Amino acid sequence: MSLSLSLTKEKPVVAVTMANGLQGRSVIRHLSKSGKFHIRALTRNPFSSKSKDLLNYPNVEIVGADLLNIESLEKAFQGVHGIFGNTTPTKGWRVFRGSMVREYEMAQGRNLINSVKNAYISGKLKHFVFSSVCKSSDPLLSTPAPGHFSSKWDIEECISHNDLQSITTVIRPASYFENFFSNIPGARISETSFPGVVHPERKWQTIAVDDVGAWTNAILNHPDKFLGEAINLAGEEMTGNQMAELFQSLKTSQSKKVKYEMLPRFLLRLIEHDIAIMASWIERSGYGANISYLKSLSNELDFSMTSLSSWLRQKRFV
């Protein structure tokens, strides 16, 4: 079932999976702003208030579809020009497990890739953008990797196994700025604290979720430049202490000192074991985005990447 305000079918149709997620909403916002596509927003509950809010963007229709239901995906992908594919390992928190379940994400990935392949065989699909996770610049230091990284990298392998590379662009975002305001205890920006999961003097790469939408829009608008490519994405590379100092410098009041607070690794292992593995991976290996190249490329494509300082201002932390 679907809801829509306007179905301008003469525009190429782009399906966006997990439309109500942070990435999905970012992609929809940027594609809608471009005015070049008709957006088919896929969500498990098309009649929720959150789903209906997406209709405030021009050229959007809401379609009920579930990544765990391949029939719903194949129906939603009928006649599309492009697909933005995103999967999630998050399946509700449990003691000794946390919230991340590898097989839950892999099941979504198998359904997604099989549905993409069928849409391609039908002769309509021209471009598939898959959102993975940033790889290291040094593969020899990449093991052990967290499960919610390796699951996405395995889905990338599934793309290759199904001979879909020629129509695919893989984007690999680094850690999100939004994680600095998460639901993990102690992991929320406050007046005196800037939280993180890695050593205060270890540089690590981060990105605004909104930039996923900006890059996806640019990629779909410049297919010849990106088809068959995979690109690591980040917007900043700073240590935790540098982030805290930046936050301090932006505050209107300097009366209270901002300190970088690293979440204790033993606590992470208890609360969210896979995040603890991720933190160790970042310290040992680190994300491998070429930020200077990305800035040059984004300027060429006529959009600006989001800096941490501008994100902090946008979120009204300062």
C-alpha atoms as a PDB file:
ATOM      1  CA  MET A   1       0.000   0.000   0.000  1.00  0.00           C
ATOM      2  CA  SER A   2       1.188   3.525  -0.646  1.00  0.00           C
ATOM      3  CA  LEU A   3       0.439   7.121   0.170  1.00  0.00           C
ATOM      4  CA  SER A   4       1.423  10.055  -1.989  1.00  0.00           C
ATOM      5  CA  LEU A   5       0.845  13.728  -2.595  1.00  0.00           C
ATOM      6  CA  SER A   6       2.064  13.820  -6.176  1.00  0.00           C
ATOM      7  CA  LEU A   7       3.097  11.036  -8.532  1.00  0.00           C
ATOM      8  CA  THR A   8       5.171  12.724 -11.218  1.00  0.00           C
ATOM      9  CA  LYS A   9       5.960   9.520 -13.077  1.00  0.00           C
ATOM     10  CA  GLU A  10       7.887  11.283 -15.814  1.00  0.00           C
ATOM     11  CA  LYS A  11      10.757  11.665 -13.326  1.00  0.00           C
ATOM     12  CA  PRO A  12      13.112   8.705 -12.713  1.00  0.00           C
ATOM     13  CA  VAL A  13      11.929   6.764  -9.674  1.00  0.00           C
ATOM     14  CA  VAL A  14      14.385   6.128  -6.839  1.00  0.00           C
ATOM     15  CA  ALA A  15      13.421   3.690  -4.086  1.00  0.00           C
ATOM     16  CA  VAL A  16      14.833   4.413  -0.627  1.00  0.00           C
ATOM     17  CA  THR A  17      14.877   1.545   1.873  1.00  0.00           C
ATOM     18  CA  MET A  18      14.506   2.152   5.624  1.00  0.00           C
ATOM     19  CA  ALA A  19      13.026   5.538   4.785  1.00  0.00           C
ATOM     20  CA  ASN A  20      12.346   6.464   8.403  1.00  0.00           C
ATOM     21  CA  GLY A  21      15.924   5.834   9.520  1.00  0.00           C
ATOM     22  CA  LEU A  22      18.498   8.611   9.827  1.00  0.00           C
ATOM     23  CA  GLN A  23      20.159   7.693   6.541  1.00  0.00           C
ATOM     24  CA  GLY A  24      16.880   7.176   4.693  1.00  0.00           C
ATOM     25  CA  ARG A  25      15.444  10.512   5.743  1.00  0.00           C
ATOM     26  CA  SER A  26      18.677  12.259   4.777  1.00  0.00           C
ATOM     27  CA  VAL A  27      18.645  10.662   1.319  1.00  0.00           C
ATOM     28  CA  ILE A  28      14.986  11.564   0.788  1.00  0.00           C
ATOM     29  CA  ARG A  29      15.575  15.161   1.872  1.00  0.00           C
ATOM     30  CA  HIS A  30      18.449  15.672  -0.578  1.00  0.00           C
ATOM     31  CA  LEU A  31      16.841  13.839  -3.503  1.00  0.00           C
ATOM     32  CA  SER A  32      13.627  15.796  -3.020  1.00  0.00           C
ATOM     33  CA  LYS A  33      15.502  19.080  -2.874  1.00  0.00           C
ATOM     34  CA  SER A  34      17.219  18.294  -6.179  1.00  0.00           C
ATOM     35  CA  GLY A  35      13.811  18.042  -7.890  1.00  0.00           C
ATOM     36  CA  LYS A  36      15.158  15.505 -10.393  1.00  0.00           C
ATOM     37  CA  PHE A  37      13.653  12.297  -9.015  1.00  0.00           C
ATOM     38  CA  HIS A  38      10.400  10.800  -7.869  1.00  0.00           C
ATOM     39  CA  ILE A  39      11.142   9.184  -4.517  1.00  0.00           C
ATOM     40  CA  ARG A  40       9.559   5.930  -3.393  1.00  0.00           C
ATOM     41  CA  ALA A  41      10.077   5.849   0.374  1.00  0.00           C
ATOM     42  CA  LEU A  42       9.973   2.274   1.720  1.00  0.00           C
ATOM     43  CA  THR A  43       8.872   1.731   5.299  1.00  0.00           C
ATOM     44  CA  ARG A  44       7.360  -1.109   7.312  1.00  0.00           C
ATOM     45  CA  ASN A  45       4.521   1.133   8.500  1.00  0.00           C
ATOM     46  CA  PRO A  46       3.453   3.565   5.757  1.00  0.00           C
ATOM     47  CA  PHE A  47       0.621   4.954   7.876  1.00  0.00           C
ATOM     48  CA  SER A  48       2.662   6.029  10.896  1.00  0.00           C
ATOM     49  CA  SER A  49       2.912   9.734  11.664  1.00  0.00           C
ATOM     50  CA  LYS A  50       6.672   9.547  11.069  1.00  0.00           C
ATOM     51  CA  SER A  51       6.090   8.078   7.611  1.00  0.00           C
ATOM     52  CA  LYS A  52       3.431  10.631   6.743  1.00  0.00           C
ATOM     53  CA  ASP A  53       5.869  13.416   7.670  1.00  0.00           C
ATOM     54  CA  LEU A  54       7.929  12.383   4.648  1.00  0.00           C
ATOM     55  CA  LEU A  55       5.088  13.584   2.440  1.00  0.00           C
ATOM     56  CA  ASN A  56       6.070  17.130   3.358  1.00  0.00           C
ATOM     57  CA  TYR A  57       8.913  16.702   0.869  1.00  0.00           C
ATOM     58  CA  PRO A  58       7.952  17.195  -2.810  1.00  0.00           C
ATOM     59  CA  ASN A  59       7.897  14.199  -5.169  1.00  0.00           C
ATOM     60  CA  VAL A  60       7.641  11.563  -2.417  1.00  0.00           C
ATOM     61  CA  GLU A  61       5.335   8.572  -2.140  1.00  0.00           C
ATOM     62  CA  ILE A  62       5.257   6.177   0.821  1.00  0.00           C
ATOM     63  CA  VAL A  63       5.284   2.445   0.130  1.00  0.00           C
ATOM     64  CA  GLY A  64       4.931  -0.378   2.638  1.00  0.00           C
ATOM     65  CA  ALA A  65       7.901  -2.752   2.344  1.00  0.00           C
ATOM     66  CA  ASP A  66      10.062  -4.789   4.724  1.00  0.00           C
ATOM     67  CA  LEU A  67      13.661  -5.882   4.132  1.00  0.00           C
ATOM     68  CA  LEU A  68      12.741  -9.234   5.689  1.00  0.00           C
ATOM     69  CA  ASN A  69       9.910  -9.721   3.175  1.00  0.00           C
ATOM     70  CA  ILE A  70      11.381 -10.218  -0.281  1.00  0.00           C
ATOM     71  CA  GLU A  71       7.985 -10.143  -2.004  1.00  0.00           C
ATOM     72  CA  SER A  72       7.297  -6.658  -0.642  1.00  0.00           C
ATOM     73  CA  LEU A  73      10.737  -5.486  -1.805  1.00  0.00           C
ATOM     74  CA  GLU A  74      10.321  -6.830  -5.314  1.00  0.00           C
ATOM     75  CA  LYS A  75       6.946  -5.156  -5.626  1.00  0.00           C
ATOM     76  CA  ALA A  76       8.352  -1.855  -4.339  1.00  0.00           C
ATOM     77  CA  PHE A  77      11.293  -2.033  -6.781  1.00  0.00           C
ATOM     78  CA  GLN A  78       9.135  -2.469  -9.878  1.00  0.00           C
ATOM     79  CA  GLY A  79       9.960   0.127 -12.528  1.00  0.00           C
ATOM     80  CA  VAL A  80      12.583   1.981 -10.466  1.00  0.00           C
ATOM     81  CA  HIS A  81      15.541   3.772 -12.013  1.00  0.00           C
ATOM     82  CA  GLY A  82      17.597   3.773  -8.820  1.00  0.00           C
ATOM     83  CA  ILE A  83      17.703   2.176  -5.379  1.00  0.00           C
ATOM     84  CA  PHE A  84      19.296   3.368  -2.146  1.00  0.00           C
ATOM     85  CA  GLY A  85      19.886   0.263  -0.030  1.00  0.00           C
ATOM     86  CA  ASN A  86      20.582   0.304   3.690  1.00  0.00           C
ATOM     87  CA  THR A  87      20.490  -2.505   6.261  1.00  0.00           C
ATOM     88  CA  THR A  88      20.667  -2.576  10.048  1.00  0.00           C
ATOM     89  CA  PRO A  89      21.960  -5.020  12.671  1.00  0.00           C
ATOM     90  CA  THR A  90      19.920  -3.413  15.459  1.00  0.00           C
ATOM     91  CA  LYS A  91      17.258  -5.721  16.863  1.00  0.00           C
ATOM     92  CA  GLY A  92      16.468  -4.613  20.381  1.00  0.00           C
ATOM     93  CA  TRP A  93      18.822  -4.801  23.358  1.00  0.00           C
ATOM     94  CA  ARG A  94      19.364  -7.969  25.369  1.00  0.00           C
ATOM     95  CA  VAL A  95      21.665  -8.793  28.288  1.00  0.00           C
ATOM     96  CA  PHE A  96      24.993 -10.341  27.166  1.00  0.00           C
ATOM     97  CA  ARG A  97      24.106  -9.668  23.508  1.00  0.00           C
ATOM     98  CA  GLY A  98      23.500  -5.966  23.211  1.00  0.00           C
ATOM     99  CA  SER A  99      21.330  -4.728  20.368  1.00  0.00           C
ATOM    100  CA  MET A 100      23.281  -5.900  17.319  1.00  0.00           C
ATOM    101  CA  VAL A 101      22.531  -9.218  15.613  1.00  0.00           C
ATOM    102  CA  ARG A 102      24.661 -10.135  12.616  1.00  0.00           C
ATOM    103  CA  GLU A 103      22.282 -12.699  11.079  1.00  0.00           C
ATOM    104  CA  TYR A 104      19.404 -10.207  11.312  1.00  0.00           C
ATOM    105  CA  GLU A 105      21.342  -7.848   9.036  1.00  0.00           C
ATOM    106  CA  MET A 106      22.551 -10.615   6.741  1.00  0.00           C
ATOM    107  CA  ALA A 107      18.951 -11.755   6.129  1.00  0.00           C
ATOM    108  CA  GLN A 108      18.068  -8.199   5.102  1.00  0.00           C
ATOM    109  CA  GLY A 109      21.110  -8.036   2.850  1.00  0.00           C
ATOM    110  CA  ARG A 110      20.302 -11.288   1.052  1.00  0.00           C
ATOM    111  CA  ASN A 111      16.744 -10.138   0.357  1.00  0.00           C
ATOM    112  CA  LEU A 112      17.932  -6.703  -0.744  1.00  0.00           C
ATOM    113  CA  ILE A 113      20.553  -7.994  -3.191  1.00  0.00           C
ATOM    114  CA  ASN A 114      18.238 -10.652  -4.647  1.00  0.00           C
ATOM    115  CA  SER A 115      15.543  -8.019  -5.182  1.00  0.00           C
ATOM    116  CA  VAL A 116      18.035  -5.613  -6.753  1.00  0.00           C
ATOM    117  CA  LYS A 117      19.192  -8.356  -9.096  1.00  0.00           C
ATOM    118  CA  ASN A 118      15.620  -9.110 -10.189  1.00  0.00           C
ATOM    119  CA  ALA A 119      14.948  -5.398 -10.763  1.00  0.00           C
ATOM    120  CA  TYR A 120      18.099  -5.218 -12.896  1.00  0.00           C
ATOM    121  CA  ILE A 121      17.141  -8.291 -14.912  1.00  0.00           C
ATOM    122  CA  SER A 122      13.800  -6.656 -15.667  1.00  0.00           C
ATOM    123  CA  GLY A 123      15.750  -3.994 -17.556  1.00  0.00           C
ATOM    124  CA  LYS A 124      14.592  -0.949 -15.555  1.00  0.00           C
ATOM    125  CA  LEU A 125      17.162  -0.521 -12.784  1.00  0.00           C
ATOM    126  CA  LYS A 126      20.184   1.600 -13.734  1.00  0.00           C
ATOM    127  CA  HIS A 127      21.857   2.501 -10.422  1.00  0.00           C
ATOM    128  CA  PHE A 128      22.072   0.840  -6.992  1.00  0.00           C
ATOM    129  CA  VAL A 129      23.674   2.741  -4.111  1.00  0.00           C
ATOM    130  CA  PHE A 130      24.505   0.519  -1.139  1.00  0.00           C
ATOM    131  CA  SER A 131      25.407   2.048   2.209  1.00  0.00           C
ATOM    132  CA  SER A 132      28.147   0.007   3.870  1.00  0.00           C
ATOM    133  CA  VAL A 133      30.716   1.128   6.466  1.00  0.00           C
ATOM    134  CA  CYS A 134      34.133   2.760   6.081  1.00  0.00           C
ATOM    135  CA  LYS A 135      37.059   0.396   5.595  1.00  0.00           C
ATOM    136  CA  SER A 136      40.596   0.834   6.883  1.00  0.00           C
ATOM    137  CA  SER A 137      43.422   2.150   4.746  1.00  0.00           C
ATOM    138  CA  ASP A 138      45.464  -0.821   6.024  1.00  0.00           C
ATOM    139  CA  PRO A 139      43.562  -4.125   5.519  1.00  0.00           C
ATOM    140  CA  LEU A 140      46.265  -6.059   7.415  1.00  0.00           C
ATOM    141  CA  LEU A 141      45.154  -4.323  10.622  1.00  0.00           C
ATOM    142  CA  SER A 142      41.422  -4.841  10.049  1.00  0.00           C
ATOM    143  CA  THR A 143      40.868  -8.002  12.059  1.00  0.00           C
ATOM    144  CA  PRO A 144      39.080  -8.670  14.249  1.00  0.00           C
ATOM    145  CA  ALA A 145      36.365  -6.383  12.933  1.00  0.00           C
ATOM    146  CA  PRO A 146      33.042  -5.725  14.691  1.00  0.00           C
ATOM    147  CA  GLY A 147      30.129  -7.830  13.496  1.00  0.00           C
ATOM    148  CA  HIS A 148      28.130  -4.833  12.284  1.00  0.00           C
ATOM    149  CA  PHE A 149      31.077  -3.936  10.026  1.00  0.00           C
ATOM    150  CA  SER A 150      31.783  -7.401   8.654  1.00  0.00           C
ATOM    151  CA  SER A 151      28.086  -7.984   7.896  1.00  0.00           C
ATOM    152  CA  LYS A 152      28.007  -4.950   5.594  1.00  0.00           C
ATOM    153  CA  TRP A 153      31.294  -5.937   3.972  1.00  0.00           C
ATOM    154  CA  ASP A 154      29.878  -9.423   3.395  1.00  0.00           C
ATOM    155  CA  ILE A 155      26.828  -7.862   1.718  1.00  0.00           C
ATOM    156  CA  GLU A 156      29.285  -6.026  -0.541  1.00  0.00           C
ATOM    157  CA  GLU A 157      30.691  -9.443  -1.478  1.00  0.00           C
ATOM    158  CA  CYS A 158      27.149 -10.583  -2.247  1.00  0.00           C
ATOM    159  CA  ILE A 159      26.859  -7.682  -4.708  1.00  0.00           C
ATOM    160  CA  SER A 160      29.984  -8.905  -6.487  1.00  0.00           C
ATOM    161  CA  HIS A 161      28.857 -12.542  -6.378  1.00  0.00           C
ATOM    162  CA  ASN A 162      25.651 -11.542  -8.186  1.00  0.00           C
ATOM    163  CA  ASP A 163      27.532  -9.564 -10.849  1.00  0.00           C
ATOM    164  CA  LEU A 164      25.932  -6.257  -9.900  1.00  0.00           C
ATOM    165  CA  GLN A 165      29.130  -4.185  -9.663  1.00  0.00           C
ATOM    166  CA  SER A 166      28.526  -2.410 -12.976  1.00  0.00           C
ATOM    167  CA  ILE A 167      25.327  -0.765 -11.711  1.00  0.00           C
ATOM    168  CA  THR A 168      26.432  -0.325  -8.088  1.00  0.00           C
ATOM    169  CA  THR A 169      28.079   2.431  -6.085  1.00  0.00           C
ATOM    170  CA  VAL A 170      29.087   1.483  -2.551  1.00  0.00           C
ATOM    171  CA  ILE A 171      29.334   4.310  -0.040  1.00  0.00           C
ATOM    172  CA  ARG A 172      31.120   3.592   3.238  1.00  0.00           C
ATOM    173  CA  PRO A 173      30.428   6.188   5.952  1.00  0.00           C
ATOM    174  CA  ALA A 174      32.645   6.414   9.044  1.00  0.00           C
ATOM    175  CA  SER A 175      31.249   6.953  12.576  1.00  0.00           C
ATOM    176  CA  TYR A 176      28.414   9.464  12.805  1.00  0.00           C
ATOM    177  CA  PHE A 177      28.492  12.767  14.673  1.00  0.00           C
ATOM    178  CA  GLU A 178      25.067  11.685  15.916  1.00  0.00           C
ATOM    179  CA  ASN A 179      26.739   8.979  18.021  1.00  0.00           C
ATOM    180  CA  PHE A 180      27.983  11.736  20.317  1.00  0.00           C
ATOM    181  CA  PHE A 181      24.383  12.078  21.460  1.00  0.00           C
ATOM    182  CA  SER A 182      23.428   8.396  21.763  1.00  0.00           C
ATOM    183  CA  ASN A 183      21.341   6.387  24.225  1.00  0.00           C
ATOM    184  CA  ILE A 184      24.372   4.585  25.672  1.00  0.00           C
ATOM    185  CA  PRO A 185      24.814   5.773  29.289  1.00  0.00           C
ATOM    186  CA  GLY A 186      27.456   8.516  29.429  1.00  0.00           C
ATOM    187  CA  ALA A 187      27.529   8.942  25.645  1.00  0.00           C
ATOM    188  CA  ARG A 188      25.698  12.260  25.343  1.00  0.00           C
ATOM    189  CA  ILE A 189      27.178  15.692  24.790  1.00  0.00           C
ATOM    190  CA  SER A 190      26.665  17.907  27.826  1.00  0.00           C
ATOM    191  CA  GLU A 191      27.791  21.330  28.973  1.00  0.00           C
ATOM    192  CA  THR A 192      31.010  19.919  30.416  1.00  0.00           C
ATOM    193  CA  SER A 193      31.474  16.617  28.585  1.00  0.00           C
ATOM    194  CA  PHE A 194      32.216  15.455  25.050  1.00  0.00           C
ATOM    195  CA  PRO A 195      31.830  11.644  24.968  1.00  0.00           C
ATOM    196  CA  GLY A 196      33.612   9.074  22.854  1.00  0.00           C
ATOM    197  CA  VAL A 197      34.596   5.433  22.688  1.00  0.00           C
ATOM    198  CA  VAL A 198      38.286   5.643  21.702  1.00  0.00           C
ATOM    199  CA  HIS A 199      41.457   6.867  23.403  1.00  0.00           C
ATOM    200  CA  PRO A 200      41.492  10.670  23.795  1.00  0.00           C
ATOM    201  CA  GLU A 201      44.666  11.062  21.709  1.00  0.00           C
ATOM    202  CA  ARG A 202      43.739   8.617  18.924  1.00  0.00           C
ATOM    203  CA  LYS A 203      42.510  10.333  15.753  1.00  0.00           C
ATOM    204  CA  TRP A 204      39.334   8.919  14.294  1.00  0.00           C
ATOM    205  CA  GLN A 205      37.150   9.839  11.366  1.00  0.00           C
ATOM    206  CA  THR A 206      33.534  10.956  11.689  1.00  0.00           C
ATOM    207  CA  ILE A 207      30.736  12.225   9.450  1.00  0.00           C
ATOM    208  CA  ALA A 208      27.282  13.824   9.681  1.00  0.00           C
ATOM    209  CA  VAL A 209      24.436  11.476   8.749  1.00  0.00           C
ATOM    210  CA  ASP A 210      23.071  14.262   6.553  1.00  0.00           C
ATOM    211  CA  ASP A 211      26.146  13.946   4.338  1.00  0.00           C
ATOM    212  CA  VAL A 212      25.044  10.410   3.408  1.00  0.00           C
ATOM    213  CA  GLY A 213      22.084  12.039   1.670  1.00  0.00           C
ATOM    214  CA  ALA A 214      24.253  14.703   0.057  1.00  0.00           C
ATOM    215  CA  TRP A 215      26.676  12.120  -1.339  1.00  0.00           C
ATOM    216  CA  THR A 216      23.867   9.823  -2.515  1.00  0.00           C
ATOM    217  CA  ASN A 217      22.191  12.684  -4.365  1.00  0.00           C
ATOM    218  CA  ALA A 218      25.490  13.641  -6.018  1.00  0.00           C
ATOM    219  CA  ILE A 219      26.176  10.014  -6.970  1.00  0.00           C
ATOM    220  CA  LEU A 220      22.757   9.470  -8.538  1.00  0.00           C
ATOM    221  CA  ASN A 221      23.106  12.735 -10.452  1.00  0.00           C
ATOM    222  CA  HIS A 222      26.574  11.799 -11.780  1.00  0.00           C
ATOM    223  CA  PRO A 223      26.326   8.065 -12.536  1.00  0.00           C
ATOM    224  CA  ASP A 224      29.186   7.988 -15.042  1.00  0.00           C
ATOM    225  CA  LYS A 225      31.563   9.170 -12.313  1.00  0.00           C
ATOM    226  CA  PHE A 226      30.486   6.653  -9.685  1.00  0.00           C
ATOM    227  CA  LEU A 227      29.104   3.474 -11.277  1.00  0.00           C
ATOM    228  CA  GLY A 228      31.224   0.497 -10.272  1.00  0.00           C
ATOM    229  CA  GLU A 229      32.998   2.483  -7.546  1.00  0.00           C
ATOM    230  CA  ALA A 230      33.265   2.181  -3.750  1.00  0.00           C
ATOM    231  CA  ILE A 231      34.117   5.251  -1.689  1.00  0.00           C
ATOM    232  CA  ASN A 232      35.032   5.672   1.983  1.00  0.00           C
ATOM    233  CA  LEU A 233      33.262   8.707   3.464  1.00  0.00           C
ATOM    234  CA  ALA A 234      34.174  10.973   6.388  1.00  0.00           C
ATOM    235  CA  GLY A 235      34.004  14.666   7.121  1.00  0.00           C
ATOM    236  CA  GLU A 236      36.417  15.112  10.024  1.00  0.00           C
ATOM    237  CA  GLU A 237      39.504  13.456  11.498  1.00  0.00           C
ATOM    238  CA  MET A 238      40.197  14.575  15.044  1.00  0.00           C
ATOM    239  CA  THR A 239      41.191  13.178  18.415  1.00  0.00           C
ATOM    240  CA  GLY A 240      38.679  13.123  21.237  1.00  0.00           C
ATOM    241  CA  ASN A 241      40.585  15.870  23.016  1.00  0.00           C
ATOM    242  CA  GLN A 242      40.513  18.007  19.867  1.00  0.00           C
ATOM    243  CA  MET A 243      36.737  17.520  19.593  1.00  0.00           C
ATOM    244  CA  ALA A 244      36.285  18.630  23.206  1.00  0.00           C
ATOM    245  CA  GLU A 245      38.501  21.663  22.605  1.00  0.00           C
ATOM    246  CA  LEU A 246      36.474  22.558  19.500  1.00  0.00           C
ATOM    247  CA  PHE A 247      33.236  22.281  21.460  1.00  0.00           C
ATOM    248  CA  GLN A 248      34.726  24.464  24.207  1.00  0.00           C
ATOM    249  CA  SER A 249      35.763  27.131  21.676  1.00  0.00           C
ATOM    250  CA  LEU A 250      32.256  27.318  20.216  1.00  0.00           C
ATOM    251  CA  LYS A 251      30.443  27.820  23.516  1.00  0.00           C
ATOM    252  CA  THR A 252      29.232  31.317  24.297  1.00  0.00           C
ATOM    253  CA  SER A 253      30.108  30.811  27.952  1.00  0.00           C
ATOM    254  CA  GLN A 254      33.632  29.734  28.846  1.00  0.00           C
ATOM    255  CA  SER A 255      32.968  29.386  32.560  1.00  0.00           C
ATOM    256  CA  LYS A 256      32.804  25.593  32.511  1.00  0.00           C
ATOM    257  CA  LYS A 257      35.591  23.450  31.082  1.00  0.00           C
ATOM    258  CA  VAL A 258      34.654  20.785  28.519  1.00  0.00           C
ATOM    259  CA  LYS A 259      36.441  17.480  28.952  1.00  0.00           C
ATOM    260  CA  TYR A 260      36.597  14.528  26.584  1.00  0.00           C
ATOM    261  CA  GLU A 261      35.149  11.519  28.378  1.00  0.00           C
ATOM    262  CA  MET A 262      36.122   8.109  27.029  1.00  0.00           C
ATOM    263  CA  LEU A 263      33.563   5.470  27.901  1.00  0.00           C
ATOM    264  CA  PRO A 264      35.294   2.678  29.846  1.00  0.00           C
ATOM    265  CA  ARG A 265      35.944  -0.284  27.552  1.00  0.00           C
ATOM    266  CA  PHE A 266      34.773  -2.800  30.173  1.00  0.00           C
ATOM    267  CA  LEU A 267      31.442  -0.966  30.375  1.00  0.00           C
ATOM    268  CA  LEU A 268      31.066  -1.024  26.593  1.00  0.00           C
ATOM    269  CA  ARG A 269      31.712  -4.768  26.607  1.00  0.00           C
ATOM    270  CA  LEU A 270      28.873  -5.225  29.068  1.00  0.00           C
ATOM    271  CA  ILE A 271      26.390  -2.868  27.414  1.00  0.00           C
ATOM    272  CA  GLU A 272      27.172  -3.211  23.687  1.00  0.00           C
ATOM    273  CA  HIS A 273      29.942  -5.742  23.049  1.00  0.00           C
ATOM    274  CA  ASP A 274      30.179  -5.027  19.318  1.00  0.00           C
ATOM    275  CA  ILE A 275      30.785  -1.320  19.968  1.00  0.00           C
ATOM    276  CA  ALA A 276      33.685  -2.281  22.245  1.00  0.00           C
ATOM    277  CA  ILE A 277      35.169  -4.333  19.396  1.00  0.00           C
ATOM    278  CA  MET A 278      34.608  -1.361  17.073  1.00  0.00           C
ATOM    279  CA  ALA A 279      36.433   1.008  19.443  1.00  0.00           C
ATOM    280  CA  SER A 280      39.438  -1.312  19.572  1.00  0.00           C
ATOM    281  CA  TRP A 281      39.324  -1.631  15.769  1.00  0.00           C
ATOM    282  CA  ILE A 282      39.381   2.164  15.345  1.00  0.00           C
ATOM    283  CA  GLU A 283      42.347   2.478  17.720  1.00  0.00           C
ATOM    284  CA  ARG A 284      44.269  -0.326  15.986  1.00  0.00           C
ATOM    285  CA  SER A 285      43.307   0.200  12.349  1.00  0.00           C
ATOM    286  CA  GLY A 286      41.195   3.301  11.871  1.00  0.00           C
ATOM    287  CA  TYR A 287      38.893   4.395   9.080  1.00  0.00           C
ATOM    288  CA  GLY A 288      40.549   5.053   5.738  1.00  0.00           C
ATOM    289  CA  ALA A 289      38.660   7.927   4.092  1.00  0.00           C
ATOM    290  CA  ASN A 290      40.737  10.437   2.121  1.00  0.00           C
ATOM    291  CA  ILE A 291      39.137  13.600   3.485  1.00  0.00           C
ATOM    292  CA  SER A 292      41.146  16.077   1.391  1.00  0.00           C
ATOM    293  CA  TYR A 293      40.093  14.219  -1.759  1.00  0.00           C
ATOM    294  CA  LEU A 294      36.467  14.116  -0.574  1.00  0.00           C
ATOM    295  CA  LYS A 295      36.445  17.872   0.034  1.00  0.00           C
ATOM    296  CA  SER A 296      37.811  18.497  -3.442  1.00  0.00           C
ATOM    297  CA  LEU A 297      35.300  16.099  -4.985  1.00  0.00           C
ATOM    298  CA  SER A 298      32.341  17.584  -3.108  1.00  0.00           C
ATOM    299  CA  ASN A 299      33.341  21.071  -4.272  1.00  0.00           C
ATOM    300  CA  GLU A 300      33.479  19.762  -7.829  1.00  0.00           C
ATOM    301  CA  LEU A 301      29.985  18.304  -7.369  1.00  0.00           C
ATOM    302  CA  ASP A 302      28.727  21.599  -5.904  1.00  0.00           C
ATOM    303  CA  PHE A 303      27.952  20.691  -2.296  1.00  0.00           C
ATOM    304  CA  SER A 304      29.725  21.244   1.008  1.00  0.00           C
ATOM    305  CA  MET A 305      30.547  18.516   3.500  1.00  0.00           C
ATOM    306  CA  THR A 306      29.362  19.112   7.060  1.00  0.00           C
ATOM    307  CA  SER A 307      32.056  20.048   9.565  1.00  0.00           C
ATOM    308  CA  LEU A 308      31.783  19.069  13.219  1.00  0.00           C
ATOM    309  CA  SER A 309      31.594  22.738  14.201  1.00  0.00           C
ATOM    310  CA  SER A 310      28.677  23.440  11.845  1.00  0.00           C
ATOM    311  CA  TRP A 311      26.915  20.259  13.016  1.00  0.00           C
ATOM    312  CA  LEU A 312      27.253  21.343  16.668  1.00  0.00           C
ATOM    313  CA  ARG A 313      25.734  24.704  15.766  1.00  0.00           C
ATOM    314  CA  GLN A 314      22.916  23.099  13.741  1.00  0.00           C
ATOM    315  CA  LYS A 315      22.030  20.847  16.678  1.00  0.00           C
ATOM    316  CA  ARG A 316      22.117  23.886  18.984  1.00  0.00           C
ATOM    317  CA  PHE A 317      24.697  22.420  21.330  1.00  0.00           C
ATOM    318  CA  VAL A 318      26.358  25.850  21.271  1.00  0.00           C
END
